Amino acid sequence: MATQSRCGALTEKRTRCRRLAMVGASRCDLHRGDWSAYTIKKRKEAERKARTKHRK
């Protein structure tokens, strides 16, 4: 059985975050920001839907 990985993001104290990473992501919920591949993909899908919604 595989174990869940740790976040590892740099904290304000310049140490590594030891929280568990979210399933399917490399960071925890606190450190997974707008730059993450998951968030970028989700934002691009929303923008694509918005563009096609307004086209006539």
N, C-alpha and C. Protein backbone atom coordinates (compact mmCIF):
# COMPACT_ATOMS: atom_id res chain seq x y z
N MET A 1 0.84 -1.18 0.00
CA MET A 1 0.00 0.00 0.00
C MET A 1 0.88 1.24 0.00
N ALA A 2 0.59 2.19 -0.87
CA ALA A 2 1.38 3.42 -0.97
C ALA A 2 0.96 4.40 0.12
N THR A 3 1.92 5.18 0.56
CA THR A 3 1.61 6.19 1.58
C THR A 3 1.41 7.54 0.90
N GLN A 4 0.67 8.38 1.57
CA GLN A 4 0.41 9.71 1.04
C GLN A 4 1.64 10.58 1.25
N SER A 5 2.02 11.35 0.23
CA SER A 5 3.23 12.16 0.33
C SER A 5 3.02 13.41 1.18
N ARG A 6 4.11 14.02 1.56
CA ARG A 6 4.08 15.25 2.34
C ARG A 6 4.10 16.44 1.39
N CYS A 7 3.64 17.58 1.87
CA CYS A 7 3.56 18.80 1.06
C CYS A 7 4.96 19.27 0.64
N GLY A 8 5.81 19.59 1.58
CA GLY A 8 7.18 20.00 1.27
C GLY A 8 7.35 21.44 0.83
N ALA A 9 6.30 22.25 0.81
CA ALA A 9 6.42 23.65 0.43
C ALA A 9 7.20 24.42 1.49
N LEU A 10 7.89 25.47 1.08
CA LEU A 10 8.62 26.30 2.03
C LEU A 10 7.64 27.14 2.83
N THR A 11 7.83 27.16 4.14
CA THR A 11 6.96 27.95 5.00
C THR A 11 7.61 29.31 5.25
N GLU A 12 6.93 30.17 6.01
CA GLU A 12 7.48 31.49 6.33
C GLU A 12 8.76 31.39 7.15
N LYS A 13 8.89 30.31 7.92
CA LYS A 13 10.11 30.10 8.72
C LYS A 13 11.22 29.45 7.91
N ARG A 14 11.00 29.29 6.60
CA ARG A 14 11.98 28.70 5.68
C ARG A 14 12.22 27.22 5.94
N THR A 15 11.26 26.54 6.57
CA THR A 15 11.33 25.10 6.75
C THR A 15 10.31 24.47 5.80
N ARG A 16 10.38 23.18 5.66
CA ARG A 16 9.46 22.48 4.77
C ARG A 16 8.16 22.13 5.50
N CYS A 17 7.03 22.30 4.82
CA CYS A 17 5.73 21.95 5.37
C CYS A 17 5.67 20.43 5.53
N ARG A 18 5.16 19.97 6.65
CA ARG A 18 5.08 18.53 6.91
C ARG A 18 3.67 18.00 6.86
N ARG A 19 2.72 18.82 6.40
CA ARG A 19 1.35 18.36 6.27
C ARG A 19 1.24 17.37 5.11
N LEU A 20 0.22 16.54 5.15
CA LEU A 20 0.00 15.60 4.06
C LEU A 20 -0.48 16.34 2.82
N ALA A 21 0.05 15.95 1.67
CA ALA A 21 -0.39 16.54 0.41
C ALA A 21 -1.78 16.04 0.09
N MET A 22 -2.54 16.82 -0.63
CA MET A 22 -3.89 16.41 -1.03
C MET A 22 -3.78 15.30 -2.06
N VAL A 23 -4.74 14.42 -2.11
CA VAL A 23 -4.73 13.30 -3.04
C VAL A 23 -4.77 13.86 -4.46
N GLY A 24 -3.85 13.43 -5.30
CA GLY A 24 -3.77 13.90 -6.68
C GLY A 24 -3.03 15.21 -6.84
N ALA A 25 -2.42 15.71 -5.77
CA ALA A 25 -1.68 16.97 -5.83
C ALA A 25 -0.36 16.81 -5.08
N SER A 26 0.55 17.74 -5.31
CA SER A 26 1.84 17.67 -4.63
C SER A 26 1.90 18.56 -3.40
N ARG A 27 0.84 19.32 -3.13
CA ARG A 27 0.84 20.25 -2.01
C ARG A 27 -0.40 20.04 -1.14
N CYS A 28 -0.33 20.55 0.10
CA CYS A 28 -1.47 20.47 1.00
C CYS A 28 -2.48 21.56 0.62
N ASP A 29 -3.62 21.57 1.30
CA ASP A 29 -4.66 22.54 0.95
C ASP A 29 -4.23 23.98 1.25
N LEU A 30 -3.28 24.18 2.17
CA LEU A 30 -2.82 25.54 2.47
C LEU A 30 -1.86 26.07 1.42
N HIS A 31 -1.08 25.19 0.81
CA HIS A 31 -0.03 25.62 -0.11
C HIS A 31 -0.37 25.40 -1.57
N ARG A 32 -1.51 24.84 -1.87
CA ARG A 32 -1.88 24.65 -3.27
C ARG A 32 -2.60 25.91 -3.73
N GLY A 33 -1.88 26.81 -4.36
CA GLY A 33 -2.42 28.11 -4.75
C GLY A 33 -2.80 28.18 -6.22
N ASP A 34 -2.91 29.39 -6.73
CA ASP A 34 -3.32 29.62 -8.11
C ASP A 34 -2.30 29.11 -9.12
N TRP A 35 -1.08 28.88 -8.70
CA TRP A 35 -0.03 28.45 -9.62
C TRP A 35 -0.06 26.95 -9.89
N SER A 36 -0.80 26.17 -9.11
CA SER A 36 -0.75 24.72 -9.25
C SER A 36 -1.40 24.27 -10.56
N ALA A 37 -0.93 23.15 -11.07
CA ALA A 37 -1.44 22.63 -12.34
C ALA A 37 -2.94 22.36 -12.25
N TYR A 38 -3.40 21.88 -11.10
CA TYR A 38 -4.83 21.60 -10.92
C TYR A 38 -5.65 22.87 -11.04
N THR A 39 -5.22 23.93 -10.38
CA THR A 39 -5.96 25.19 -10.38
C THR A 39 -5.92 25.84 -11.76
N ILE A 40 -4.77 25.78 -12.42
CA ILE A 40 -4.63 26.36 -13.76
C ILE A 40 -5.55 25.64 -14.73
N LYS A 41 -5.58 24.32 -14.66
CA LYS A 41 -6.44 23.53 -15.55
C LYS A 41 -7.91 23.88 -15.32
N LYS A 42 -8.30 23.97 -14.06
CA LYS A 42 -9.69 24.29 -13.72
C LYS A 42 -10.06 25.70 -14.21
N ARG A 43 -9.14 26.67 -14.05
CA ARG A 43 -9.40 28.04 -14.48
C ARG A 43 -9.51 28.12 -16.00
N LYS A 44 -8.66 27.40 -16.72
CA LYS A 44 -8.71 27.40 -18.18
C LYS A 44 -10.02 26.80 -18.68
N GLU A 45 -10.49 25.75 -18.04
CA GLU A 45 -11.77 25.14 -18.42
C GLU A 45 -12.91 26.13 -18.22
N ALA A 46 -12.89 26.87 -17.10
CA ALA A 46 -13.93 27.86 -16.83
C ALA A 46 -13.89 28.98 -17.85
N GLU A 47 -12.68 29.43 -18.23
CA GLU A 47 -12.55 30.49 -19.24
C GLU A 47 -13.05 30.00 -20.60
N ARG A 48 -12.74 28.75 -20.94
CA ARG A 48 -13.19 28.18 -22.21
C ARG A 48 -14.72 28.11 -22.25
N LYS A 49 -15.33 27.69 -21.15
CA LYS A 49 -16.78 27.62 -21.09
C LYS A 49 -17.40 29.00 -21.23
N ALA A 50 -16.80 30.00 -20.58
CA ALA A 50 -17.30 31.36 -20.64
C ALA A 50 -17.23 31.91 -22.07
N ARG A 51 -16.15 31.61 -22.78
CA ARG A 51 -16.01 32.08 -24.17
C ARG A 51 -17.05 31.45 -25.07
N THR A 52 -17.24 30.14 -24.94
CA THR A 52 -18.18 29.46 -25.83
C THR A 52 -19.62 29.81 -25.46
N LYS A 53 -19.86 30.17 -24.25
CA LYS A 53 -21.20 30.53 -23.81
C LYS A 53 -21.67 31.83 -24.48
N HIS A 54 -20.74 32.77 -24.69
CA HIS A 54 -21.09 34.06 -25.24
C HIS A 54 -21.02 34.12 -26.76
N ARG A 55 -20.47 33.10 -27.38
CA ARG A 55 -20.39 33.09 -28.85
C ARG A 55 -21.75 32.84 -29.46
N LYS A 56 -21.95 33.45 -30.60
CA LYS A 56 -23.22 33.23 -31.33
C LYS A 56 -22.96 32.90 -32.76
